[in-house]
Amino acid sequence: MLKKNVGTIDRALRILLGLALLAGFFLDRDGAYSWLYLIGIIPLATGLMSSCPLYSIFGLSTCPMKK
């Protein structure tokens, strides 16, 4: 299981960004570079899992500190 390293605000922003990009893909399928909207899968997945592999690599975390 991946370690949780994405905080609440970061998680919400990732989910919103991912959904917006995927909506752009479905609304503009005929565009020349519409496949780039599929990059929205990455922030959506990391937001839903509350874990970001890049944060793990760089030792970052946006989760609040446990007391």
PDB file of N, CA and C in Angstrom:
ATOM      1  N   MET A   1       0.844  -1.183   0.000  1.00  0.00           N
ATOM      2  CA  MET A   1       0.000   0.000   0.000  1.00  0.00           C
ATOM      3  C   MET A   1       0.881   1.234   0.000  1.00  0.00           C
ATOM      4  N   LEU A   2       0.461   2.222  -0.750  1.00  0.00           N
ATOM      5  CA  LEU A   2       1.231   3.450  -0.831  1.00  0.00           C
ATOM      6  C   LEU A   2       0.983   4.323   0.390  1.00  0.00           C
ATOM      7  N   LYS A   3       2.020   5.025   0.803  1.00  0.00           N
ATOM      8  CA  LYS A   3       1.913   5.909   1.954  1.00  0.00           C
ATOM      9  C   LYS A   3       1.138   7.167   1.576  1.00  0.00           C
ATOM     10  N   LYS A   4       0.228   7.588   2.432  1.00  0.00           N
ATOM     11  CA  LYS A   4      -0.571   8.789   2.181  1.00  0.00           C
ATOM     12  C   LYS A   4       0.321  10.017   2.351  1.00  0.00           C
ATOM     13  N   ASN A   5       0.464  10.805   1.280  1.00  0.00           N
ATOM     14  CA  ASN A   5       1.293  12.001   1.347  1.00  0.00           C
ATOM     15  C   ASN A   5       0.650  13.202   0.653  1.00  0.00           C
ATOM     16  N   VAL A   6      -0.649  13.126   0.379  1.00  0.00           N
ATOM     17  CA  VAL A   6      -1.376  14.216  -0.262  1.00  0.00           C
ATOM     18  C   VAL A   6      -2.441  14.716   0.711  1.00  0.00           C
ATOM     19  N   GLY A   7      -2.357  15.993   1.067  1.00  0.00           N
ATOM     20  CA  GLY A   7      -3.288  16.581   2.026  1.00  0.00           C
ATOM     21  C   GLY A   7      -4.660  16.858   1.416  1.00  0.00           C
ATOM     22  N   THR A   8      -5.562  17.351   2.241  1.00  0.00           N
ATOM     23  CA  THR A   8      -6.953  17.548   1.846  1.00  0.00           C
ATOM     24  C   THR A   8      -7.113  18.573   0.728  1.00  0.00           C
ATOM     25  N   ILE A   9      -6.493  19.738   0.867  1.00  0.00           N
ATOM     26  CA  ILE A   9      -6.623  20.778  -0.160  1.00  0.00           C
ATOM     27  C   ILE A   9      -5.939  20.333  -1.448  1.00  0.00           C
ATOM     28  N   ASP A  10      -4.751  19.768  -1.330  1.00  0.00           N
ATOM     29  CA  ASP A  10      -4.011  19.265  -2.481  1.00  0.00           C
ATOM     30  C   ASP A  10      -4.836  18.188  -3.187  1.00  0.00           C
ATOM     31  N   ARG A  11      -5.443  17.330  -2.417  1.00  0.00           N
ATOM     32  CA  ARG A  11      -6.248  16.230  -2.964  1.00  0.00           C
ATOM     33  C   ARG A  11      -7.449  16.777  -3.741  1.00  0.00           C
ATOM     34  N   ALA A  12      -8.156  17.751  -3.171  1.00  0.00           N
ATOM     35  CA  ALA A  12      -9.319  18.339  -3.832  1.00  0.00           C
ATOM     36  C   ALA A  12      -8.916  19.024  -5.142  1.00  0.00           C
ATOM     37  N   LEU A  13      -7.796  19.747  -5.120  1.00  0.00           N
ATOM     38  CA  LEU A  13      -7.339  20.428  -6.327  1.00  0.00           C
ATOM     39  C   LEU A  13      -6.941  19.432  -7.410  1.00  0.00           C
ATOM     40  N   ARG A  14      -6.304  18.343  -7.025  1.00  0.00           N
ATOM     41  CA  ARG A  14      -5.919  17.310  -7.990  1.00  0.00           C
ATOM     42  C   ARG A  14      -7.146  16.681  -8.640  1.00  0.00           C
ATOM     43  N   ILE A  15      -8.147  16.381  -7.825  1.00  0.00           N
ATOM     44  CA  ILE A  15      -9.363  15.760  -8.354  1.00  0.00           C
ATOM     45  C   ILE A  15     -10.076  16.715  -9.302  1.00  0.00           C
ATOM     46  N   LEU A  16     -10.201  17.987  -8.908  1.00  0.00           N
ATOM     47  CA  LEU A  16     -10.849  18.972  -9.776  1.00  0.00           C
ATOM     48  C   LEU A  16     -10.085  19.166 -11.085  1.00  0.00           C
ATOM     49  N   LEU A  17      -8.776  19.259 -11.007  1.00  0.00           N
ATOM     50  CA  LEU A  17      -7.963  19.421 -12.205  1.00  0.00           C
ATOM     51  C   LEU A  17      -8.095  18.211 -13.120  1.00  0.00           C
ATOM     52  N   GLY A  18      -8.025  17.027 -12.544  1.00  0.00           N
ATOM     53  CA  GLY A  18      -8.159  15.802 -13.335  1.00  0.00           C
ATOM     54  C   GLY A  18      -9.503  15.707 -14.025  1.00  0.00           C
ATOM     55  N   LEU A  19     -10.572  16.012 -13.295  1.00  0.00           N
ATOM     56  CA  LEU A  19     -11.905  15.973 -13.889  1.00  0.00           C
ATOM     57  C   LEU A  19     -12.067  17.025 -14.980  1.00  0.00           C
ATOM     58  N   ALA A  20     -11.506  18.217 -14.770  1.00  0.00           N
ATOM     59  CA  ALA A  20     -11.590  19.280 -15.770  1.00  0.00           C
ATOM     60  C   ALA A  20     -10.855  18.889 -17.053  1.00  0.00           C
ATOM     61  N   LEU A  21      -9.677  18.312 -16.910  1.00  0.00           N
ATOM     62  CA  LEU A  21      -8.924  17.891 -18.091  1.00  0.00           C
ATOM     63  C   LEU A  21      -9.641  16.774 -18.842  1.00  0.00           C
ATOM     64  N   LEU A  22     -10.191  15.820 -18.118  1.00  0.00           N
ATOM     65  CA  LEU A  22     -10.921  14.734 -18.775  1.00  0.00           C
ATOM     66  C   LEU A  22     -12.194  15.247 -19.439  1.00  0.00           C
ATOM     67  N   ALA A  23     -12.856  16.211 -18.827  1.00  0.00           N
ATOM     68  CA  ALA A  23     -14.034  16.818 -19.451  1.00  0.00           C
ATOM     69  C   ALA A  23     -13.626  17.529 -20.739  1.00  0.00           C
ATOM     70  N   GLY A  24     -12.479  18.195 -20.719  1.00  0.00           N
ATOM     71  CA  GLY A  24     -11.968  18.841 -21.926  1.00  0.00           C
ATOM     72  C   GLY A  24     -11.730  17.848 -23.041  1.00  0.00           C
ATOM     73  N   PHE A  25     -11.264  16.662 -22.693  1.00  0.00           N
ATOM     74  CA  PHE A  25     -11.050  15.614 -23.704  1.00  0.00           C
ATOM     75  C   PHE A  25     -12.370  15.219 -24.357  1.00  0.00           C
ATOM     76  N   PHE A  26     -13.401  15.010 -23.550  1.00  0.00           N
ATOM     77  CA  PHE A  26     -14.679  14.578 -24.100  1.00  0.00           C
ATOM     78  C   PHE A  26     -15.415  15.698 -24.839  1.00  0.00           C
ATOM     79  N   LEU A  27     -15.147  16.938 -24.481  1.00  0.00           N
ATOM     80  CA  LEU A  27     -15.796  18.058 -25.161  1.00  0.00           C
ATOM     81  C   LEU A  27     -15.080  18.465 -26.449  1.00  0.00           C
ATOM     82  N   ASP A  28     -13.801  18.136 -26.579  1.00  0.00           N
ATOM     83  CA  ASP A  28     -13.010  18.539 -27.750  1.00  0.00           C
ATOM     84  C   ASP A  28     -12.265  17.338 -28.329  1.00  0.00           C
ATOM     85  N   ARG A  29     -12.984  16.308 -28.678  1.00  0.00           N
ATOM     86  CA  ARG A  29     -12.345  15.093 -29.208  1.00  0.00           C
ATOM     87  C   ARG A  29     -11.725  15.287 -30.579  1.00  0.00           C
ATOM     88  N   ASP A  30     -12.247  16.201 -31.371  1.00  0.00           N
ATOM     89  CA  ASP A  30     -11.769  16.366 -32.740  1.00  0.00           C
ATOM     90  C   ASP A  30     -10.542  17.263 -32.849  1.00  0.00           C
ATOM     91  N   GLY A  31     -10.096  17.836 -31.751  1.00  0.00           N
ATOM     92  CA  GLY A  31      -8.924  18.699 -31.780  1.00  0.00           C
ATOM     93  C   GLY A  31      -7.655  17.914 -32.086  1.00  0.00           C
ATOM     94  N   ALA A  32      -6.662  18.609 -32.631  1.00  0.00           N
ATOM     95  CA  ALA A  32      -5.423  17.955 -33.032  1.00  0.00           C
ATOM     96  C   ALA A  32      -4.670  17.358 -31.836  1.00  0.00           C
ATOM     97  N   TYR A  33      -4.693  18.051 -30.728  1.00  0.00           N
ATOM     98  CA  TYR A  33      -3.960  17.584 -29.556  1.00  0.00           C
ATOM     99  C   TYR A  33      -4.892  17.247 -28.400  1.00  0.00           C
ATOM    100  N   SER A  34      -6.086  16.818 -28.702  1.00  0.00           N
ATOM    101  CA  SER A  34      -7.064  16.531 -27.649  1.00  0.00           C
ATOM    102  C   SER A  34      -6.615  15.374 -26.753  1.00  0.00           C
ATOM    103  N   TRP A  35      -5.750  14.505 -27.250  1.00  0.00           N
ATOM    104  CA  TRP A  35      -5.259  13.390 -26.442  1.00  0.00           C
ATOM    105  C   TRP A  35      -4.447  13.876 -25.245  1.00  0.00           C
ATOM    106  N   LEU A  36      -3.933  15.114 -25.300  1.00  0.00           N
ATOM    107  CA  LEU A  36      -3.179  15.653 -24.168  1.00  0.00           C
ATOM    108  C   LEU A  36      -4.050  15.834 -22.924  1.00  0.00           C
ATOM    109  N   TYR A  37      -5.363  15.987 -23.130  1.00  0.00           N
ATOM    110  CA  TYR A  37      -6.277  16.101 -21.994  1.00  0.00           C
ATOM    111  C   TYR A  37      -6.271  14.833 -21.141  1.00  0.00           C
ATOM    112  N   LEU A  38      -5.871  13.716 -21.727  1.00  0.00           N
ATOM    113  CA  LEU A  38      -5.840  12.458 -20.978  1.00  0.00           C
ATOM    114  C   LEU A  38      -4.796  12.464 -19.866  1.00  0.00           C
ATOM    115  N   ILE A  39      -3.930  13.458 -19.870  1.00  0.00           N
ATOM    116  CA  ILE A  39      -2.978  13.621 -18.775  1.00  0.00           C
ATOM    117  C   ILE A  39      -3.735  13.833 -17.463  1.00  0.00           C
ATOM    118  N   GLY A  40      -4.992  14.251 -17.549  1.00  0.00           N
ATOM    119  CA  GLY A  40      -5.837  14.443 -16.370  1.00  0.00           C
ATOM    120  C   GLY A  40      -6.030  13.178 -15.556  1.00  0.00           C
ATOM    121  N   ILE A  41      -5.744  12.028 -16.142  1.00  0.00           N
ATOM    122  CA  ILE A  41      -5.853  10.766 -15.406  1.00  0.00           C
ATOM    123  C   ILE A  41      -4.865  10.739 -14.242  1.00  0.00           C
ATOM    124  N   ILE A  42      -3.697  11.331 -14.429  1.00  0.00           N
ATOM    125  CA  ILE A  42      -2.660  11.291 -13.397  1.00  0.00           C
ATOM    126  C   ILE A  42      -3.066  12.070 -12.146  1.00  0.00           C
ATOM    127  N   PRO A  43      -3.438  13.359 -12.245  1.00  0.00           N
ATOM    128  CA  PRO A  43      -3.848  14.043 -11.009  1.00  0.00           C
ATOM    129  C   PRO A  43      -5.113  13.448 -10.401  1.00  0.00           C
ATOM    130  N   LEU A  44      -6.017  12.945 -11.242  1.00  0.00           N
ATOM    131  CA  LEU A  44      -7.230  12.323 -10.719  1.00  0.00           C
ATOM    132  C   LEU A  44      -6.888  11.072  -9.917  1.00  0.00           C
ATOM    133  N   ALA A  45      -6.026  10.236 -10.444  1.00  0.00           N
ATOM    134  CA  ALA A  45      -5.646   9.004  -9.750  1.00  0.00           C
ATOM    135  C   ALA A  45      -4.884   9.300  -8.458  1.00  0.00           C
ATOM    136  N   THR A  46      -3.944  10.231  -8.497  1.00  0.00           N
ATOM    137  CA  THR A  46      -3.184  10.537  -7.288  1.00  0.00           C
ATOM    138  C   THR A  46      -4.058  11.206  -6.239  1.00  0.00           C
ATOM    139  N   GLY A  47      -5.036  11.982  -6.675  1.00  0.00           N
ATOM    140  CA  GLY A  47      -5.967  12.600  -5.736  1.00  0.00           C
ATOM    141  C   GLY A  47      -6.880  11.570  -5.087  1.00  0.00           C
ATOM    142  N   LEU A  48      -7.366  10.625  -5.875  1.00  0.00           N
ATOM    143  CA  LEU A  48      -8.252   9.600  -5.327  1.00  0.00           C
ATOM    144  C   LEU A  48      -7.514   8.636  -4.392  1.00  0.00           C
ATOM    145  N   MET A  49      -6.236   8.372  -4.691  1.00  0.00           N
ATOM    146  CA  MET A  49      -5.455   7.460  -3.850  1.00  0.00           C
ATOM    147  C   MET A  49      -4.803   8.161  -2.667  1.00  0.00           C
ATOM    148  N   SER A  50      -4.797   9.500  -2.655  1.00  0.00           N
ATOM    149  CA  SER A  50      -4.131  10.305  -1.621  1.00  0.00           C
ATOM    150  C   SER A  50      -2.644   9.990  -1.525  1.00  0.00           C
ATOM    151  N   SER A  51      -2.068   9.599  -2.635  1.00  0.00           N
ATOM    152  CA  SER A  51      -0.651   9.275  -2.649  1.00  0.00           C
ATOM    153  C   SER A  51      -0.051   9.696  -3.989  1.00  0.00           C
ATOM    154  N   CYS A  52       1.083  10.380  -3.922  1.00  0.00           N
ATOM    155  CA  CYS A  52       1.758  10.840  -5.132  1.00  0.00           C
ATOM    156  C   CYS A  52       3.163  10.233  -5.165  1.00  0.00           C
ATOM    157  N   PRO A  53       3.467   9.430  -6.191  1.00  0.00           N
ATOM    158  CA  PRO A  53       4.794   8.820  -6.280  1.00  0.00           C
ATOM    159  C   PRO A  53       5.929   9.847  -6.341  1.00  0.00           C
ATOM    160  N   LEU A  54       5.718  10.982  -7.013  1.00  0.00           N
ATOM    161  CA  LEU A  54       6.767  11.999  -7.072  1.00  0.00           C
ATOM    162  C   LEU A  54       7.027  12.609  -5.698  1.00  0.00           C
ATOM    163  N   TYR A  55       5.965  12.800  -4.905  1.00  0.00           N
ATOM    164  CA  TYR A  55       6.153  13.293  -3.545  1.00  0.00           C
ATOM    165  C   TYR A  55       7.004  12.301  -2.753  1.00  0.00           C
ATOM    166  N   SER A  56       6.777  11.009  -2.953  1.00  0.00           N
ATOM    167  CA  SER A  56       7.559   9.992  -2.249  1.00  0.00           C
ATOM    168  C   SER A  56       9.026  10.050  -2.657  1.00  0.00           C
ATOM    169  N   ILE A  57       9.282  10.216  -3.938  1.00  0.00           N
ATOM    170  CA  ILE A  57      10.662  10.263  -4.436  1.00  0.00           C
ATOM    171  C   ILE A  57      11.408  11.455  -3.842  1.00  0.00           C
ATOM    172  N   PHE A  58      10.748  12.613  -3.785  1.00  0.00           N
ATOM    173  CA  PHE A  58      11.395  13.823  -3.290  1.00  0.00           C
ATOM    174  C   PHE A  58      11.222  14.045  -1.794  1.00  0.00           C
ATOM    175  N   GLY A  59      10.523  13.136  -1.113  1.00  0.00           N
ATOM    176  CA  GLY A  59      10.351  13.241   0.328  1.00  0.00           C
ATOM    177  C   GLY A  59       9.398  14.348   0.758  1.00  0.00           C
ATOM    178  N   LEU A  60       8.445  14.693  -0.080  1.00  0.00           N
ATOM    179  CA  LEU A  60       7.485  15.742   0.218  1.00  0.00           C
ATOM    180  C   LEU A  60       6.185  15.161   0.754  1.00  0.00           C
ATOM    181  N   SER A  61       5.427  15.990   1.460  1.00  0.00           N
ATOM    182  CA  SER A  61       4.112  15.601   1.937  1.00  0.00           C
ATOM    183  C   SER A  61       3.309  16.861   2.229  1.00  0.00           C
ATOM    184  N   THR A  62       2.029  16.860   1.823  1.00  0.00           N
ATOM    185  CA  THR A  62       1.152  17.974   2.130  1.00  0.00           C
ATOM    186  C   THR A  62       0.135  17.596   3.195  1.00  0.00           C
ATOM    187  N   CYS A  63       0.307  16.407   3.774  1.00  0.00           N
ATOM    188  CA  CYS A  63      -0.569  15.970   4.864  1.00  0.00           C
ATOM    189  C   CYS A  63      -0.191  16.728   6.132  1.00  0.00           C
ATOM    190  N   PRO A  64      -1.190  17.014   6.978  1.00  0.00           N
ATOM    191  CA  PRO A  64      -0.862  17.660   8.260  1.00  0.00           C
ATOM    192  C   PRO A  64      -0.026  16.727   9.142  1.00  0.00           C
ATOM    193  N   MET A  65       0.810  17.333   9.951  1.00  0.00           N
ATOM    194  CA  MET A  65       1.672  16.550  10.846  1.00  0.00           C
ATOM    195  C   MET A  65       0.844  15.897  11.942  1.00  0.00           C
ATOM    196  N   LYS A  66       1.159  14.653  12.252  1.00  0.00           N
ATOM    197  CA  LYS A  66       0.479  13.955  13.338  1.00  0.00           C
ATOM    198  C   LYS A  66       1.106  14.370  14.660  1.00  0.00           C
ATOM    199  N   LYS A  67       0.248  14.598  15.661  1.00  0.00           N
ATOM    200  CA  LYS A  67       0.760  15.001  16.972  1.00  0.00           C
ATOM    201  C   LYS A  67       0.942  13.822  17.875  1.00  0.00           C
TER     202      LYS A  67
END
